């Protein structure tokens, strides 16, 4: 294996599965720390703040801090600030605490339902018709439509529940405008994370369990990928498809 300097690590299916700990994933993170390898937890989840992610990881045996967490909420803020130089940027937000907290801690943003510059849609388990109506009207009137990630479904308590991609599809159908997606598998979040950490693509390995998000994020951003078969994707799912750089049954198999 190449001597990678930065490991971008997915969470659900890689380090834990819901409330269940993926022990090989936890041992892998411990080995990275022991070998003085840098790492960043790269999640598509916008419902948690970075501190909430840190707290959840602690419950699974991983002690870390918010400097090692990167979310689509954070990448969305960085993307907008890099592409907009207005003193005040009007936003209409659909989402939960992780998205709201990240956006509104930046003084450049202000809430605006009437004529926002951006409509930002993240996972919202309290999505209402009113929210979709406001978002759709704003987009038709010229607001830029951003989706934090395109996950159509999420595993939860033994079932698949609608994900943010399904919510964005509702808004897109109503507004006749497709969103710009930020999270995996898009390259935007990977490039923003590389900027945050100060590493090159050649230095980096993207580690995850989901071919359609984690591994394709690596393809789309020219970053090497490792697929672990501890979560969503199994070996038969990728037969005949482009293969990841590294494939393991679990992360105990990866030698540093």
Protein backbone atom coordinates (compact mmCIF):
# COMPACT_ATOMS: atom_id res chain seq x y z
CA UNK A 1 0.00 0.00 0.00
CA UNK A 2 1.11 3.57 -0.71
CA UNK A 3 2.34 5.60 2.23
CA UNK A 4 -0.76 7.77 2.51
CA UNK A 5 -0.54 10.78 4.81
CA UNK A 6 -4.27 11.58 5.17
CA UNK A 7 -7.14 9.12 5.60
CA UNK A 8 -10.65 10.47 4.94
CA UNK A 9 -12.92 8.08 6.79
CA UNK A 10 -16.67 7.56 6.41
CA UNK A 11 -18.62 6.88 9.60
CA UNK A 12 -21.86 4.89 9.30
CA UNK A 13 -20.98 1.42 8.04
CA UNK A 14 -17.26 2.02 8.53
CA UNK A 15 -16.78 2.92 12.22
CA UNK A 16 -20.31 2.19 13.41
CA UNK A 17 -23.64 0.93 12.08
CA UNK A 18 -26.30 2.98 13.82
CA UNK A 19 -25.87 2.08 17.48
CA UNK A 20 -23.59 -0.90 16.73
CA UNK A 21 -19.82 -0.48 16.78
CA UNK A 22 -17.79 -1.72 13.81
CA UNK A 23 -14.86 -2.95 15.88
CA UNK A 24 -12.45 -3.28 12.94
CA UNK A 25 -13.13 0.36 12.05
CA UNK A 26 -12.40 1.52 15.58
CA UNK A 27 -9.17 -0.50 15.69
CA UNK A 28 -8.19 1.04 12.35
CA UNK A 29 -8.57 4.58 13.72
CA UNK A 30 -6.51 3.60 16.78
CA UNK A 31 -3.75 2.28 14.48
CA UNK A 32 -3.74 5.52 12.49
CA UNK A 33 -3.24 7.49 15.71
CA UNK A 34 -0.48 5.13 16.86
CA UNK A 35 1.33 5.56 13.53
CA UNK A 36 0.92 9.37 13.60
CA UNK A 37 -1.23 9.33 10.48
CA UNK A 38 -3.58 12.24 9.94
CA UNK A 39 -7.27 11.48 9.53
CA UNK A 40 -10.57 13.24 8.90
CA UNK A 41 -14.03 11.81 9.45
CA UNK A 42 -15.87 12.70 6.23
CA UNK A 43 -19.60 12.21 6.69
CA UNK A 44 -22.67 13.02 4.60
CA UNK A 45 -24.71 13.58 7.77
CA UNK A 46 -25.90 17.17 8.26
CA UNK A 47 -28.22 16.47 11.20
CA UNK A 48 -25.36 16.53 13.73
CA UNK A 49 -22.93 19.27 14.66
CA UNK A 50 -19.21 18.34 14.65
CA UNK A 51 -19.33 18.13 18.44
CA UNK A 52 -22.28 15.75 18.27
CA UNK A 53 -20.24 13.57 15.89
CA UNK A 54 -17.32 13.63 18.35
CA UNK A 55 -19.65 12.63 21.19
CA UNK A 56 -21.12 9.75 19.17
CA UNK A 57 -17.66 8.51 18.25
CA UNK A 58 -16.64 8.56 21.90
CA UNK A 59 -19.52 6.19 22.60
CA UNK A 60 -17.98 3.78 20.09
CA UNK A 61 -14.48 3.96 21.57
CA UNK A 62 -12.93 6.69 19.43
CA UNK A 63 -11.56 9.77 21.20
CA UNK A 64 -11.19 12.66 18.77
CA UNK A 65 -12.08 16.35 18.42
CA UNK A 66 -13.97 18.59 16.01
CA UNK A 67 -10.82 19.38 14.00
CA UNK A 68 -11.06 15.79 12.69
CA UNK A 69 -14.69 16.07 11.51
CA UNK A 70 -15.93 17.46 8.20
CA UNK A 71 -19.57 17.57 7.13
CA UNK A 72 -21.52 18.78 4.07
CA UNK A 73 -22.78 21.64 6.27
CA UNK A 74 -19.21 22.86 6.66
CA UNK A 75 -18.43 22.32 2.97
CA UNK A 76 -21.60 24.18 1.95
CA UNK A 77 -20.59 27.21 3.99
CA UNK A 78 -17.06 27.16 2.56
CA UNK A 79 -18.37 26.78 -0.99
CA UNK A 80 -20.82 29.69 -0.73
CA UNK A 81 -18.31 32.01 0.93
CA UNK A 82 -15.77 31.21 -1.78
CA UNK A 83 -18.29 32.02 -4.53
CA UNK A 84 -20.10 35.01 -3.00
CA UNK A 85 -18.57 38.22 -1.69
CA UNK A 86 -21.70 40.01 -0.51
CA UNK A 87 -21.57 41.40 3.01
CA UNK A 88 -24.87 39.69 3.78
CA UNK A 89 -25.99 36.49 2.08
CA UNK A 90 -29.67 35.64 2.38
CA UNK A 91 -30.45 31.97 2.95
CA UNK A 92 -33.51 29.81 3.32
CA UNK A 93 -32.62 26.60 5.15
CA UNK A 94 -34.37 23.25 5.23
CA UNK A 95 -32.55 20.98 7.66
CA UNK A 96 -31.76 20.11 11.26
CA UNK A 97 -29.46 21.39 13.99
CA UNK A 98 -26.19 20.44 12.31
CA UNK A 99 -26.95 22.50 9.20
CA UNK A 100 -28.60 25.44 10.96
CA UNK A 101 -25.82 25.77 13.54
CA UNK A 102 -23.02 25.66 11.00
CA UNK A 103 -24.55 28.24 8.66
CA UNK A 104 -25.78 30.73 11.23
CA UNK A 105 -22.53 30.85 13.23
CA UNK A 106 -21.09 32.76 10.25
CA UNK A 107 -22.11 36.45 10.33
CA UNK A 108 -22.19 36.66 6.53
CA UNK A 109 -25.45 34.69 6.48
CA UNK A 110 -28.92 35.95 7.35
CA UNK A 111 -32.26 34.16 7.21
CA UNK A 112 -34.49 35.31 4.39
CA UNK A 113 -37.70 33.56 3.33
CA UNK A 114 -38.81 36.19 0.84
CA UNK A 115 -35.92 36.57 -1.61
CA UNK A 116 -32.87 34.59 -0.44
CA UNK A 117 -29.69 34.26 -2.44
CA UNK A 118 -29.54 30.54 -1.63
CA UNK A 119 -31.97 27.77 -0.75
CA UNK A 120 -30.04 25.10 1.17
CA UNK A 121 -31.70 21.72 1.66
CA UNK A 122 -30.38 19.18 4.15
CA UNK A 123 -31.96 16.16 5.83
CA UNK A 124 -35.08 17.28 7.68
CA UNK A 125 -37.25 14.67 9.37
CA UNK A 126 -39.83 17.42 10.00
CA UNK A 127 -40.11 18.43 6.35
CA UNK A 128 -43.45 20.14 5.65
CA UNK A 129 -45.40 21.24 2.61
CA UNK A 130 -44.87 24.85 3.70
CA UNK A 131 -41.07 24.45 3.66
CA UNK A 132 -41.12 22.96 0.16
CA UNK A 133 -43.46 25.71 -1.03
CA UNK A 134 -41.23 28.52 0.29
CA UNK A 135 -38.10 26.86 -1.11
CA UNK A 136 -39.63 26.26 -4.54
CA UNK A 137 -40.91 29.83 -4.86
CA UNK A 138 -37.50 31.23 -3.87
CA UNK A 139 -35.70 29.04 -6.42
CA UNK A 140 -38.12 30.00 -9.19
CA UNK A 141 -37.40 33.63 -8.29
CA UNK A 142 -33.66 33.17 -8.78
CA UNK A 143 -32.21 31.70 -5.57
CA UNK A 144 -29.40 29.18 -6.07
CA UNK A 145 -30.56 25.69 -5.03
CA UNK A 146 -28.01 23.71 -3.00
CA UNK A 147 -28.51 20.16 -1.73
CA UNK A 148 -26.12 19.09 1.00
CA UNK A 149 -26.09 15.52 -0.34
CA UNK A 150 -27.98 13.33 -2.78
CA UNK A 151 -28.57 10.22 -0.62
CA UNK A 152 -31.99 8.93 -1.72
CA UNK A 153 -32.40 6.54 1.21
CA UNK A 154 -30.80 6.00 4.61
CA UNK A 155 -30.66 2.78 6.67
CA UNK A 156 -32.38 3.24 10.03
CA UNK A 157 -33.49 0.64 12.56
CA UNK A 158 -33.76 -2.15 10.01
CA UNK A 159 -35.48 -0.15 7.27
CA UNK A 160 -34.66 2.36 4.55
CA UNK A 161 -35.99 5.85 5.18
CA UNK A 162 -36.15 8.75 2.69
CA UNK A 163 -32.86 10.65 2.52
CA UNK A 164 -31.98 14.17 1.54
CA UNK A 165 -31.86 13.29 -2.15
CA UNK A 166 -35.54 12.38 -1.96
CA UNK A 167 -36.31 15.71 -0.30
CA UNK A 168 -34.32 17.59 -2.94
CA UNK A 169 -36.19 15.69 -5.67
CA UNK A 170 -39.46 17.04 -4.22
CA UNK A 171 -38.16 20.62 -4.34
CA UNK A 172 -36.60 20.09 -7.78
CA UNK A 173 -39.87 18.75 -9.21
CA UNK A 174 -41.76 21.73 -7.82
CA UNK A 175 -39.26 24.39 -8.87
CA UNK A 176 -38.11 22.79 -12.16
CA UNK A 177 -34.50 23.39 -11.04
CA UNK A 178 -31.96 20.69 -10.14
CA UNK A 179 -29.76 21.33 -7.08
CA UNK A 180 -26.02 21.69 -6.88
CA UNK A 181 -24.96 18.88 -4.56
CA UNK A 182 -22.07 19.35 -2.13
CA UNK A 183 -21.62 16.04 -0.26
CA UNK A 184 -20.29 12.67 -1.39
CA UNK A 185 -20.08 11.46 -4.17
CA UNK A 186 -19.45 15.00 -5.43
CA UNK A 187 -15.88 16.23 -5.62
CA UNK A 188 -16.77 19.53 -3.91
CA UNK A 189 -16.72 18.15 -0.36
CA UNK A 190 -13.49 16.22 -0.98
CA UNK A 191 -11.71 19.25 -2.41
CA UNK A 192 -12.92 21.45 0.44
CA UNK A 193 -11.72 18.85 2.95
CA UNK A 194 -8.30 18.70 1.28
CA UNK A 195 -8.05 22.50 1.51
CA UNK A 196 -8.99 22.35 5.18
CA UNK A 197 -6.37 19.70 5.98
CA UNK A 198 -3.61 20.99 3.69
CA UNK A 199 -2.89 17.75 1.82
CA UNK A 200 -2.75 16.83 -1.85
CA UNK A 201 -4.93 14.26 -3.59
CA UNK A 202 -1.87 12.02 -3.97
CA UNK A 203 -1.40 12.04 -0.18
CA UNK A 204 -4.94 10.90 0.53
CA UNK A 205 -6.98 7.69 0.81
CA UNK A 206 -10.78 7.86 1.01
CA UNK A 207 -12.13 5.04 3.22
CA UNK A 208 -15.77 3.95 3.25
CA UNK A 209 -18.37 1.21 2.94
CA UNK A 210 -20.66 2.69 0.29
CA UNK A 211 -19.62 2.37 -3.36
CA UNK A 212 -22.14 4.94 -4.58
CA UNK A 213 -21.08 7.68 -2.15
CA UNK A 214 -17.61 7.07 -0.68
CA UNK A 215 -15.93 5.29 -3.56
CA UNK A 216 -17.49 7.40 -6.29
CA UNK A 217 -16.41 10.50 -4.36
CA UNK A 218 -12.87 9.21 -4.78
CA UNK A 219 -13.41 8.56 -8.49
CA UNK A 220 -14.88 12.03 -9.01
CA UNK A 221 -12.07 13.82 -7.18
CA UNK A 222 -9.12 11.65 -8.32
CA UNK A 223 -8.42 10.46 -4.78
CA UNK A 224 -7.55 6.79 -4.11
CA UNK A 225 -10.31 4.78 -2.49
CA UNK A 226 -10.64 1.91 -0.03
CA UNK A 227 -13.91 -0.04 0.13
CA UNK A 228 -14.57 -2.00 3.31
CA UNK A 229 -17.31 -4.64 3.13
CA UNK A 230 -18.64 -3.86 6.62
CA UNK A 231 -21.62 -1.77 5.57
CA UNK A 232 -23.80 -1.06 2.55
CA UNK A 233 -21.82 -2.43 -0.43
CA UNK A 234 -20.91 -6.09 -0.83
CA UNK A 235 -18.51 -7.69 -3.33
CA UNK A 236 -21.27 -8.91 -5.64
CA UNK A 237 -22.64 -5.34 -5.87
CA UNK A 238 -19.56 -4.11 -7.73
CA UNK A 239 -19.02 -6.98 -10.15
CA UNK A 240 -18.44 -5.53 -13.61
CA UNK A 241 -18.02 -2.01 -12.23
CA UNK A 242 -14.94 0.15 -11.84
CA UNK A 243 -13.03 -1.25 -8.89
CA UNK A 244 -11.78 0.73 -5.88
CA UNK A 245 -8.04 1.15 -5.35
CA UNK A 246 -8.21 -1.19 -2.33
CA UNK A 247 -10.91 -3.71 -1.35
CA UNK A 248 -11.00 -5.34 2.10
CA UNK A 249 -13.49 -7.45 4.02
CA UNK A 250 -12.85 -5.27 7.06
CA UNK A 251 -10.31 -2.67 8.12
CA UNK A 252 -8.28 -5.14 10.18
CA UNK A 253 -6.92 -6.31 6.80
CA UNK A 254 -5.30 -2.95 6.05
CA UNK A 255 -1.67 -2.86 7.08
CA UNK A 256 -0.05 0.51 7.65
